């Protein structure tokens, strides 16, 4: 078994018997941070380990950072290594349904240079709908003495806020906002203190990658993204969202469509809007 973008429930169920993938449960709720851990304790895929967005998949929040800054690579590698993930381990990440939080874990592993990582298409909901078995109980403690996952050259890349600032008004890069349209337009902002978007960014909500709760076929995604890209190459694309989580959904969709090379603005809107000197755009 080797999967690097998406895996369906049938293939994963077979792999649990034939191979030994490490399953990462990434369920989370931005409005109730403890909800994912409670859901894991209630039911999770057999053998899964719980990874928390704030505690495991993010670094410490500072006065200038976004809500979910990238963790230190060595800290992340140690945490994942304690779950039994080695250089050759196949990893499968899942969340409640749409794949946004699982895509963050997928991106982080590829950021560490780990190729063999996929997201369960349809997530926990698809697994349960298929009538497949689950387990109950709290997450097993990490192995304190386990070696860290080896860090290799990254397969994906992030850009910093100063790079985004330098690109304002230019045409070399295409900036895509993955948030819902009303948040992009500044009509509603339920989380961050300022509403709007980075000037020059265009909007493609992450939900547009899905149809019926699953990722759209690779060919359809490729056609939609090529239309959005226009004259831009994929490696000129920078994606962002509220805090660098949902934007990873776009990067997964692009990889599934065989269009790698786009970059993540990890600080995203929650970092951008912390500095009142940075410009804000509203409307469509």
C-alpha atoms as a PDB file:
ATOM      1  CA  UNK A   1       0.000   0.000   0.000  1.00  0.00           C
ATOM      2  CA  UNK A   2       1.273   3.447  -0.911  1.00  0.00           C
ATOM      3  CA  UNK A   3      -1.035   6.437  -1.101  1.00  0.00           C
ATOM      4  CA  UNK A   4       0.016  10.070  -1.310  1.00  0.00           C
ATOM      5  CA  UNK A   5      -3.227  12.032  -1.702  1.00  0.00           C
ATOM      6  CA  UNK A   6      -6.589  10.334  -1.061  1.00  0.00           C
ATOM      7  CA  UNK A   7      -7.751   6.872  -0.038  1.00  0.00           C
ATOM      8  CA  UNK A   8     -11.334   5.589   0.081  1.00  0.00           C
ATOM      9  CA  UNK A   9     -12.858   3.644   2.952  1.00  0.00           C
ATOM     10  CA  UNK A  10     -12.773   0.312   1.132  1.00  0.00           C
ATOM     11  CA  UNK A  11      -9.081   0.537   0.357  1.00  0.00           C
ATOM     12  CA  UNK A  12      -8.266   1.635   3.894  1.00  0.00           C
ATOM     13  CA  UNK A  13     -10.309  -1.177   5.415  1.00  0.00           C
ATOM     14  CA  UNK A  14      -8.378  -3.708   3.333  1.00  0.00           C
ATOM     15  CA  UNK A  15      -5.075  -2.063   4.245  1.00  0.00           C
ATOM     16  CA  UNK A  16      -5.772  -2.444   7.961  1.00  0.00           C
ATOM     17  CA  UNK A  17      -5.647  -6.208   7.426  1.00  0.00           C
ATOM     18  CA  UNK A  18      -2.864  -6.385   4.846  1.00  0.00           C
ATOM     19  CA  UNK A  19      -0.527  -3.546   5.888  1.00  0.00           C
ATOM     20  CA  UNK A  20       0.200  -1.498   8.979  1.00  0.00           C
ATOM     21  CA  UNK A  21      -0.694   2.142   8.275  1.00  0.00           C
ATOM     22  CA  UNK A  22      -0.686   4.625  11.132  1.00  0.00           C
ATOM     23  CA  UNK A  23      -4.051   6.361  11.379  1.00  0.00           C
ATOM     24  CA  UNK A  24      -4.231   9.946  12.627  1.00  0.00           C
ATOM     25  CA  UNK A  25      -7.595  11.181  13.880  1.00  0.00           C
ATOM     26  CA  UNK A  26      -7.626  14.938  13.232  1.00  0.00           C
ATOM     27  CA  UNK A  27     -11.182  15.811  14.238  1.00  0.00           C
ATOM     28  CA  UNK A  28     -11.471  19.317  15.666  1.00  0.00           C
ATOM     29  CA  UNK A  29     -13.954  22.148  16.118  1.00  0.00           C
ATOM     30  CA  UNK A  30     -12.693  25.729  16.028  1.00  0.00           C
ATOM     31  CA  UNK A  31     -15.580  26.837  18.246  1.00  0.00           C
ATOM     32  CA  UNK A  32     -15.118  23.964  20.739  1.00  0.00           C
ATOM     33  CA  UNK A  33     -11.461  22.894  20.813  1.00  0.00           C
ATOM     34  CA  UNK A  34     -12.118  19.891  23.078  1.00  0.00           C
ATOM     35  CA  UNK A  35     -14.808  18.444  20.794  1.00  0.00           C
ATOM     36  CA  UNK A  36     -12.421  16.422  18.650  1.00  0.00           C
ATOM     37  CA  UNK A  37     -10.832  14.667  21.608  1.00  0.00           C
ATOM     38  CA  UNK A  38     -14.288  13.863  23.017  1.00  0.00           C
ATOM     39  CA  UNK A  39     -15.378  12.471  19.665  1.00  0.00           C
ATOM     40  CA  UNK A  40     -12.233  10.330  19.534  1.00  0.00           C
ATOM     41  CA  UNK A  41     -12.939   8.892  22.985  1.00  0.00           C
ATOM     42  CA  UNK A  42     -16.479   8.073  21.926  1.00  0.00           C
ATOM     43  CA  UNK A  43     -15.501   6.285  18.696  1.00  0.00           C
ATOM     44  CA  UNK A  44     -12.548   6.209  16.332  1.00  0.00           C
ATOM     45  CA  UNK A  45     -11.054   4.051  13.603  1.00  0.00           C
ATOM     46  CA  UNK A  46      -9.275   0.930  14.909  1.00  0.00           C
ATOM     47  CA  UNK A  47      -5.791   1.735  16.168  1.00  0.00           C
ATOM     48  CA  UNK A  48      -6.005   5.458  15.391  1.00  0.00           C
ATOM     49  CA  UNK A  49      -3.991   8.037  17.312  1.00  0.00           C
ATOM     50  CA  UNK A  50      -5.452  11.445  18.091  1.00  0.00           C
ATOM     51  CA  UNK A  51      -3.652  14.592  16.914  1.00  0.00           C
ATOM     52  CA  UNK A  52      -4.885  17.929  18.198  1.00  0.00           C
ATOM     53  CA  UNK A  53      -4.828  20.938  15.884  1.00  0.00           C
ATOM     54  CA  UNK A  54      -3.712  23.368  18.583  1.00  0.00           C
ATOM     55  CA  UNK A  55      -1.465  21.120  20.681  1.00  0.00           C
ATOM     56  CA  UNK A  56       0.137  18.930  18.014  1.00  0.00           C
ATOM     57  CA  UNK A  57      -0.285  20.551  14.595  1.00  0.00           C
ATOM     58  CA  UNK A  58       0.466  24.151  15.598  1.00  0.00           C
ATOM     59  CA  UNK A  59       3.194  26.078  17.356  1.00  0.00           C
ATOM     60  CA  UNK A  60       2.756  28.610  20.164  1.00  0.00           C
ATOM     61  CA  UNK A  61       0.611  31.621  19.302  1.00  0.00           C
ATOM     62  CA  UNK A  62       2.429  34.948  19.636  1.00  0.00           C
ATOM     63  CA  UNK A  63       1.389  38.600  19.509  1.00  0.00           C
ATOM     64  CA  UNK A  64       2.110  38.746  15.785  1.00  0.00           C
ATOM     65  CA  UNK A  65       1.283  35.205  14.619  1.00  0.00           C
ATOM     66  CA  UNK A  66      -1.898  33.753  13.240  1.00  0.00           C
ATOM     67  CA  UNK A  67      -4.155  31.469  15.252  1.00  0.00           C
ATOM     68  CA  UNK A  68      -2.391  28.261  14.212  1.00  0.00           C
ATOM     69  CA  UNK A  69       1.272  28.988  13.418  1.00  0.00           C
ATOM     70  CA  UNK A  70       3.398  26.183  12.062  1.00  0.00           C
ATOM     71  CA  UNK A  71       5.059  24.030  14.728  1.00  0.00           C
ATOM     72  CA  UNK A  72       8.806  23.653  14.980  1.00  0.00           C
ATOM     73  CA  UNK A  73       9.731  20.801  12.608  1.00  0.00           C
ATOM     74  CA  UNK A  74      11.780  18.948  15.245  1.00  0.00           C
ATOM     75  CA  UNK A  75       8.931  19.125  17.776  1.00  0.00           C
ATOM     76  CA  UNK A  76       6.422  17.874  15.218  1.00  0.00           C
ATOM     77  CA  UNK A  77       8.751  15.090  14.076  1.00  0.00           C
ATOM     78  CA  UNK A  78       9.231  13.919  17.657  1.00  0.00           C
ATOM     79  CA  UNK A  79       5.491  13.877  18.255  1.00  0.00           C
ATOM     80  CA  UNK A  80       4.792  11.889  15.089  1.00  0.00           C
ATOM     81  CA  UNK A  81       7.692   9.550  15.729  1.00  0.00           C
ATOM     82  CA  UNK A  82       6.194   8.710  19.109  1.00  0.00           C
ATOM     83  CA  UNK A  83       3.112   7.500  17.235  1.00  0.00           C
ATOM     84  CA  UNK A  84       5.272   4.922  15.466  1.00  0.00           C
ATOM     85  CA  UNK A  85       5.686   6.843  12.214  1.00  0.00           C
ATOM     86  CA  UNK A  86       9.037   6.145  10.583  1.00  0.00           C
ATOM     87  CA  UNK A  87      10.483   7.043   7.201  1.00  0.00           C
ATOM     88  CA  UNK A  88       8.685   4.126   5.505  1.00  0.00           C
ATOM     89  CA  UNK A  89       5.350   4.271   7.347  1.00  0.00           C
ATOM     90  CA  UNK A  90       2.141   4.783   5.414  1.00  0.00           C
ATOM     91  CA  UNK A  91       0.038   7.374   7.245  1.00  0.00           C
ATOM     92  CA  UNK A  92      -3.676   7.988   6.739  1.00  0.00           C
ATOM     93  CA  UNK A  93      -5.278  11.109   8.223  1.00  0.00           C
ATOM     94  CA  UNK A  94      -8.991  11.631   8.732  1.00  0.00           C
ATOM     95  CA  UNK A  95     -11.368  14.105  10.319  1.00  0.00           C
ATOM     96  CA  UNK A  96     -15.132  14.289  10.764  1.00  0.00           C
ATOM     97  CA  UNK A  97     -16.004  14.593   7.090  1.00  0.00           C
ATOM     98  CA  UNK A  98     -14.722  17.246   4.687  1.00  0.00           C
ATOM     99  CA  UNK A  99     -10.975  16.717   5.117  1.00  0.00           C
ATOM    100  CA  UNK A 100      -9.865  20.231   6.117  1.00  0.00           C
ATOM    101  CA  UNK A 101      -8.178  19.276   9.400  1.00  0.00           C
ATOM    102  CA  UNK A 102      -6.865  16.016   7.949  1.00  0.00           C
ATOM    103  CA  UNK A 103      -5.388  18.007   5.065  1.00  0.00           C
ATOM    104  CA  UNK A 104      -3.438  20.103   7.579  1.00  0.00           C
ATOM    105  CA  UNK A 105      -1.851  16.910   8.961  1.00  0.00           C
ATOM    106  CA  UNK A 106      -1.222  15.673   5.401  1.00  0.00           C
ATOM    107  CA  UNK A 107       0.501  18.954   4.507  1.00  0.00           C
ATOM    108  CA  UNK A 108       2.594  18.973   7.685  1.00  0.00           C
ATOM    109  CA  UNK A 109       3.900  15.475   7.022  1.00  0.00           C
ATOM    110  CA  UNK A 110       4.837  16.446   3.482  1.00  0.00           C
ATOM    111  CA  UNK A 111       6.450  19.583   4.928  1.00  0.00           C
ATOM    112  CA  UNK A 112       8.686  17.208   6.910  1.00  0.00           C
ATOM    113  CA  UNK A 113       9.482  15.386   3.665  1.00  0.00           C
ATOM    114  CA  UNK A 114       7.219  12.373   4.266  1.00  0.00           C
ATOM    115  CA  UNK A 115       5.575  11.172   1.036  1.00  0.00           C
ATOM    116  CA  UNK A 116       3.497   8.200   2.157  1.00  0.00           C
ATOM    117  CA  UNK A 117       0.575  10.103   3.646  1.00  0.00           C
ATOM    118  CA  UNK A 118      -3.028  10.246   2.456  1.00  0.00           C
ATOM    119  CA  UNK A 119      -6.387  11.600   3.600  1.00  0.00           C
ATOM    120  CA  UNK A 120      -9.434   9.388   4.026  1.00  0.00           C
ATOM    121  CA  UNK A 121     -11.962  10.687   1.501  1.00  0.00           C
ATOM    122  CA  UNK A 122     -15.200  11.400   3.353  1.00  0.00           C
ATOM    123  CA  UNK A 123     -13.522  10.994   6.727  1.00  0.00           C
ATOM    124  CA  UNK A 124     -15.010   9.381   9.801  1.00  0.00           C
ATOM    125  CA  UNK A 125     -18.533   9.940   8.491  1.00  0.00           C
ATOM    126  CA  UNK A 126     -17.833   7.841   5.389  1.00  0.00           C
ATOM    127  CA  UNK A 127     -16.294   5.079   7.506  1.00  0.00           C
ATOM    128  CA  UNK A 128     -19.352   4.878   9.746  1.00  0.00           C
ATOM    129  CA  UNK A 129     -21.762   5.074   6.801  1.00  0.00           C
ATOM    130  CA  UNK A 130     -19.993   2.063   5.310  1.00  0.00           C
ATOM    131  CA  UNK A 131     -20.767   0.085   8.474  1.00  0.00           C
ATOM    132  CA  UNK A 132     -17.083  -0.443   9.284  1.00  0.00           C
ATOM    133  CA  UNK A 133     -15.847  -1.098  12.827  1.00  0.00           C
ATOM    134  CA  UNK A 134     -14.761   1.546  15.330  1.00  0.00           C
ATOM    135  CA  UNK A 135     -13.139   1.556  18.751  1.00  0.00           C
ATOM    136  CA  UNK A 136     -13.779   3.538  21.934  1.00  0.00           C
ATOM    137  CA  UNK A 137     -11.429   4.982  24.507  1.00  0.00           C
ATOM    138  CA  UNK A 138      -8.905   7.708  25.178  1.00  0.00           C
ATOM    139  CA  UNK A 139      -5.816   8.147  22.983  1.00  0.00           C
ATOM    140  CA  UNK A 140      -2.904   5.923  23.885  1.00  0.00           C
ATOM    141  CA  UNK A 141      -0.021   7.905  25.397  1.00  0.00           C
ATOM    142  CA  UNK A 142       2.884   8.665  23.101  1.00  0.00           C
ATOM    143  CA  UNK A 143       6.052   6.647  23.519  1.00  0.00           C
ATOM    144  CA  UNK A 144       8.374   9.022  25.314  1.00  0.00           C
ATOM    145  CA  UNK A 145      11.495   7.158  24.208  1.00  0.00           C
ATOM    146  CA  UNK A 146      10.490   6.788  20.563  1.00  0.00           C
ATOM    147  CA  UNK A 147      12.900   8.341  18.040  1.00  0.00           C
ATOM    148  CA  UNK A 148      11.659  11.350  16.079  1.00  0.00           C
ATOM    149  CA  UNK A 149      10.523  10.983  12.511  1.00  0.00           C
ATOM    150  CA  UNK A 150      13.430  11.741  10.205  1.00  0.00           C
ATOM    151  CA  UNK A 151      13.110  15.188   8.624  1.00  0.00           C
ATOM    152  CA  UNK A 152      13.877  15.181   4.915  1.00  0.00           C
ATOM    153  CA  UNK A 153      13.709  17.861   2.193  1.00  0.00           C
ATOM    154  CA  UNK A 154      10.132  19.190   2.160  1.00  0.00           C
ATOM    155  CA  UNK A 155       7.689  18.231  -0.572  1.00  0.00           C
ATOM    156  CA  UNK A 156       5.628  21.371   0.058  1.00  0.00           C
ATOM    157  CA  UNK A 157       6.542  24.922   0.969  1.00  0.00           C
ATOM    158  CA  UNK A 158       5.193  27.849   2.968  1.00  0.00           C
ATOM    159  CA  UNK A 159       5.579  31.572   2.377  1.00  0.00           C
ATOM    160  CA  UNK A 160       5.952  34.166   5.114  1.00  0.00           C
ATOM    161  CA  UNK A 161       3.882  37.292   5.587  1.00  0.00           C
ATOM    162  CA  UNK A 162       6.642  39.577   4.308  1.00  0.00           C
ATOM    163  CA  UNK A 163       6.693  37.669   1.017  1.00  0.00           C
ATOM    164  CA  UNK A 164       2.945  38.180   0.671  1.00  0.00           C
ATOM    165  CA  UNK A 165       3.344  41.890   1.454  1.00  0.00           C
ATOM    166  CA  UNK A 166       6.054  42.299  -1.181  1.00  0.00           C
ATOM    167  CA  UNK A 167       3.759  40.741  -3.766  1.00  0.00           C
ATOM    168  CA  UNK A 168       0.853  43.144  -3.225  1.00  0.00           C
ATOM    169  CA  UNK A 169      -0.126  44.817  -6.463  1.00  0.00           C
ATOM    170  CA  UNK A 170       2.086  42.541  -8.518  1.00  0.00           C
ATOM    171  CA  UNK A 171       1.088  39.986 -11.119  1.00  0.00           C
ATOM    172  CA  UNK A 172       3.714  37.292 -10.574  1.00  0.00           C
ATOM    173  CA  UNK A 173       1.684  35.393  -8.007  1.00  0.00           C
ATOM    174  CA  UNK A 174      -1.965  34.420  -7.715  1.00  0.00           C
ATOM    175  CA  UNK A 175      -3.302  34.613  -4.155  1.00  0.00           C
ATOM    176  CA  UNK A 176      -6.349  32.420  -3.446  1.00  0.00           C
ATOM    177  CA  UNK A 177      -8.507  32.717  -0.323  1.00  0.00           C
ATOM    178  CA  UNK A 178     -10.046  29.377   0.743  1.00  0.00           C
ATOM    179  CA  UNK A 179     -12.625  30.780   3.159  1.00  0.00           C
ATOM    180  CA  UNK A 180     -16.360  30.905   2.567  1.00  0.00           C
ATOM    181  CA  UNK A 181     -17.424  33.685   0.200  1.00  0.00           C
ATOM    182  CA  UNK A 182     -19.115  35.837   2.846  1.00  0.00           C
ATOM    183  CA  UNK A 183     -15.946  35.860   4.953  1.00  0.00           C
ATOM    184  CA  UNK A 184     -13.825  36.697   1.917  1.00  0.00           C
ATOM    185  CA  UNK A 185     -16.138  39.614   1.077  1.00  0.00           C
ATOM    186  CA  UNK A 186     -16.030  40.831   4.680  1.00  0.00           C
ATOM    187  CA  UNK A 187     -19.765  40.428   5.223  1.00  0.00           C
ATOM    188  CA  UNK A 188     -19.288  38.063   8.177  1.00  0.00           C
ATOM    189  CA  UNK A 189     -16.287  37.285  10.354  1.00  0.00           C
ATOM    190  CA  UNK A 190     -17.059  34.835  13.178  1.00  0.00           C
ATOM    191  CA  UNK A 191     -13.492  34.234  14.380  1.00  0.00           C
ATOM    192  CA  UNK A 192     -10.984  36.967  13.584  1.00  0.00           C
ATOM    193  CA  UNK A 193     -11.207  40.614  14.750  1.00  0.00           C
ATOM    194  CA  UNK A 194     -11.167  42.139  11.257  1.00  0.00           C
ATOM    195  CA  UNK A 195     -13.351  41.201   8.297  1.00  0.00           C
ATOM    196  CA  UNK A 196     -12.199  41.174   4.683  1.00  0.00           C
ATOM    197  CA  UNK A 197      -9.400  39.715   2.593  1.00  0.00           C
ATOM    198  CA  UNK A 198      -5.872  40.410   1.400  1.00  0.00           C
ATOM    199  CA  UNK A 199      -5.983  42.891  -1.508  1.00  0.00           C
ATOM    200  CA  UNK A 200      -5.662  41.183  -4.873  1.00  0.00           C
ATOM    201  CA  UNK A 201      -6.717  37.760  -3.616  1.00  0.00           C
ATOM    202  CA  UNK A 202      -9.415  35.804  -5.420  1.00  0.00           C
ATOM    203  CA  UNK A 203     -11.851  33.503  -3.693  1.00  0.00           C
ATOM    204  CA  UNK A 204     -12.345  29.773  -4.097  1.00  0.00           C
ATOM    205  CA  UNK A 205     -13.975  28.252  -0.990  1.00  0.00           C
ATOM    206  CA  UNK A 206     -12.492  24.925   0.037  1.00  0.00           C
ATOM    207  CA  UNK A 207     -15.977  23.408  -0.216  1.00  0.00           C
ATOM    208  CA  UNK A 208     -15.707  23.832  -4.000  1.00  0.00           C
ATOM    209  CA  UNK A 209     -13.268  20.904  -4.022  1.00  0.00           C
ATOM    210  CA  UNK A 210     -16.041  18.570  -2.876  1.00  0.00           C
ATOM    211  CA  UNK A 211     -19.183  17.028  -4.305  1.00  0.00           C
ATOM    212  CA  UNK A 212     -21.466  14.973  -2.097  1.00  0.00           C
ATOM    213  CA  UNK A 213     -18.979  15.055   0.766  1.00  0.00           C
ATOM    214  CA  UNK A 214     -16.126  13.582  -1.299  1.00  0.00           C
ATOM    215  CA  UNK A 215     -13.363  15.175  -3.331  1.00  0.00           C
ATOM    216  CA  UNK A 216     -14.324  15.734  -6.940  1.00  0.00           C
ATOM    217  CA  UNK A 217     -12.663  13.512  -9.575  1.00  0.00           C
ATOM    218  CA  UNK A 218      -9.082  14.479 -10.348  1.00  0.00           C
ATOM    219  CA  UNK A 219      -9.871  15.506 -13.927  1.00  0.00           C
ATOM    220  CA  UNK A 220     -12.687  17.827 -12.871  1.00  0.00           C
ATOM    221  CA  UNK A 221     -10.542  19.432 -10.185  1.00  0.00           C
ATOM    222  CA  UNK A 222      -7.729  19.935 -12.690  1.00  0.00           C
ATOM    223  CA  UNK A 223     -10.092  21.663 -15.132  1.00  0.00           C
ATOM    224  CA  UNK A 224     -11.568  23.938 -12.439  1.00  0.00           C
ATOM    225  CA  UNK A 225      -8.189  24.910 -11.053  1.00  0.00           C
ATOM    226  CA  UNK A 226      -6.734  25.518 -14.505  1.00  0.00           C
ATOM    227  CA  UNK A 227      -9.594  27.924 -15.210  1.00  0.00           C
ATOM    228  CA  UNK A 228      -8.846  29.762 -11.985  1.00  0.00           C
ATOM    229  CA  UNK A 229      -5.105  29.829 -12.659  1.00  0.00           C
ATOM    230  CA  UNK A 230      -5.505  31.269 -16.132  1.00  0.00           C
ATOM    231  CA  UNK A 231      -2.067  32.306 -17.339  1.00  0.00           C
ATOM    232  CA  UNK A 232      -0.445  31.527 -13.986  1.00  0.00           C
ATOM    233  CA  UNK A 233       1.633  28.413 -13.397  1.00  0.00           C
ATOM    234  CA  UNK A 234       0.790  26.275 -10.367  1.00  0.00           C
ATOM    235  CA  UNK A 235       4.032  27.239  -8.642  1.00  0.00           C
ATOM    236  CA  UNK A 236       2.895  30.877  -8.768  1.00  0.00           C
ATOM    237  CA  UNK A 237      -0.153  30.023  -6.659  1.00  0.00           C
ATOM    238  CA  UNK A 238      -0.284  30.898  -2.931  1.00  0.00           C
ATOM    239  CA  UNK A 239      -3.284  29.771  -0.892  1.00  0.00           C
ATOM    240  CA  UNK A 240      -4.482  31.041   2.472  1.00  0.00           C
ATOM    241  CA  UNK A 241      -7.537  30.859   4.721  1.00  0.00           C
ATOM    242  CA  UNK A 242      -8.249  31.962   8.285  1.00  0.00           C
ATOM    243  CA  UNK A 243      -5.286  30.344  10.017  1.00  0.00           C
ATOM    244  CA  UNK A 244      -3.487  28.086   7.547  1.00  0.00           C
ATOM    245  CA  UNK A 245      -5.692  25.019   8.019  1.00  0.00           C
ATOM    246  CA  UNK A 246      -8.467  25.028   5.417  1.00  0.00           C
ATOM    247  CA  UNK A 247      -6.039  26.276   2.764  1.00  0.00           C
ATOM    248  CA  UNK A 248      -4.343  22.870   2.986  1.00  0.00           C
ATOM    249  CA  UNK A 249      -7.559  21.431   1.548  1.00  0.00           C
ATOM    250  CA  UNK A 250      -6.746  23.306  -1.678  1.00  0.00           C
ATOM    251  CA  UNK A 251      -3.208  21.934  -1.697  1.00  0.00           C
ATOM    252  CA  UNK A 252      -4.515  18.396  -1.263  1.00  0.00           C
ATOM    253  CA  UNK A 253      -7.056  18.907  -4.052  1.00  0.00           C
ATOM    254  CA  UNK A 254      -4.316  20.189  -6.357  1.00  0.00           C
ATOM    255  CA  UNK A 255      -2.067  17.233  -5.536  1.00  0.00           C
ATOM    256  CA  UNK A 256      -4.982  14.861  -6.193  1.00  0.00           C
ATOM    257  CA  UNK A 257      -5.389  16.608  -9.571  1.00  0.00           C
ATOM    258  CA  UNK A 258      -1.665  16.057 -10.313  1.00  0.00           C
ATOM    259  CA  UNK A 259      -1.007  19.791 -10.016  1.00  0.00           C
ATOM    260  CA  UNK A 260       1.655  20.079  -7.285  1.00  0.00           C
ATOM    261  CA  UNK A 261       3.754  23.137  -6.578  1.00  0.00           C
ATOM    262  CA  UNK A 262       1.378  25.642  -4.956  1.00  0.00           C
ATOM    263  CA  UNK A 263       2.454  27.218  -1.667  1.00  0.00           C
ATOM    264  CA  UNK A 264       0.759  27.899   1.662  1.00  0.00           C
ATOM    265  CA  UNK A 265       0.656  31.275   3.369  1.00  0.00           C
ATOM    266  CA  UNK A 266       0.578  29.621   6.775  1.00  0.00           C
ATOM    267  CA  UNK A 267      -0.167  32.721   8.866  1.00  0.00           C
ATOM    268  CA  UNK A 268      -3.194  33.454   6.688  1.00  0.00           C
ATOM    269  CA  UNK A 269      -5.848  36.035   7.458  1.00  0.00           C
ATOM    270  CA  UNK A 270      -5.531  35.753  11.255  1.00  0.00           C
ATOM    271  CA  UNK A 271      -1.879  36.825  10.997  1.00  0.00           C
ATOM    272  CA  UNK A 272      -2.441  39.396   8.248  1.00  0.00           C
ATOM    273  CA  UNK A 273      -5.156  41.297  10.118  1.00  0.00           C
ATOM    274  CA  UNK A 274      -3.189  41.542  13.385  1.00  0.00           C
ATOM    275  CA  UNK A 275      -1.203  44.454  11.956  1.00  0.00           C
ATOM    276  CA  UNK A 276      -3.458  47.476  11.393  1.00  0.00           C
ATOM    277  CA  UNK A 277      -0.932  48.855   8.897  1.00  0.00           C
ATOM    278  CA  UNK A 278      -1.636  46.051   6.441  1.00  0.00           C
ATOM    279  CA  UNK A 279      -4.310  46.864   3.867  1.00  0.00           C
ATOM    280  CA  UNK A 280      -7.704  45.146   3.908  1.00  0.00           C
ATOM    281  CA  UNK A 281     -10.051  44.649   0.970  1.00  0.00           C
ATOM    282  CA  UNK A 282     -13.780  43.991   1.133  1.00  0.00           C
ATOM    283  CA  UNK A 283     -16.405  43.024  -1.370  1.00  0.00           C
ATOM    284  CA  UNK A 284     -16.204  40.680  -4.334  1.00  0.00           C
END
